[in-house]
Amino acid sequence: MLVTGLSVPYSQEYRRLQTNQELLRLLAEAGGGKCYESPEKADFFSRDFPITRDVQDIWRWLLIAAVVLFYLDVFVRRVVAFWTRKPRARAAAAADPRLAVLLERKAQLQRTTLQVGETVVRSSLAATEKVAARTVLEEAISSSPKEPPAPAESTPEAKETKAPEEESYTARLLEAKRRALRRDDGNKKEDS
């Protein structure tokens, strides 16, 4: 067994046991501070600091101002804020005879458009009433008792007298609906 010992001496900065006043003075001068010789002379709570600058962001205020100015611009452009402009514009319009003719034509077209619109509304109401009447008629036909179809005449003279009439699209659809209803009624009777 081997026993050895090792001694590590302290660093050089620990050899000084006194305060390095010169180093403290240099540090205070470099940082803009003061160095006092004794604590009795020192005024630790004095507020004689140098004035410093504080930088603040103004982007929020600029953003708020931009938004307010944007909406103010839209308001001024879109909303008639000054009612005194209208009479001046009308006076200028009346002064030019061509413009007066154009304004009269515009008013006439507006009246015509209004009359055509009323006519369209009336005709659509009439068409709606016709459709409602047809629906009631179809319901009445479908609810009435079914009569057996009359036997068709097999003579050629009868066929010649019954010339095929041209039916409208609506009439053909109505006839197809009736045939479908008859078939459905027949299927229901067979099922029961």
Foldseek 3Di string as FASTA:
>chain_A
DDDDDDDDDDDPVVVDPDDPLVVVCVVQVVVVHDDDPDPVPDDPPDDPDDDDDDDDDCVVVVVVVVVVVVVVVVCPVPPPPDPVVVVVVVVVQVVDVVSVVVVVVVVVVVVVVVVVVVVVVVVVVVVVVVVVVVVVVLVVVLPDDDDDDDDDDPDPVSVVVCDDDDDDPVVVVSVVVVVVSVVVVVVVVVVD
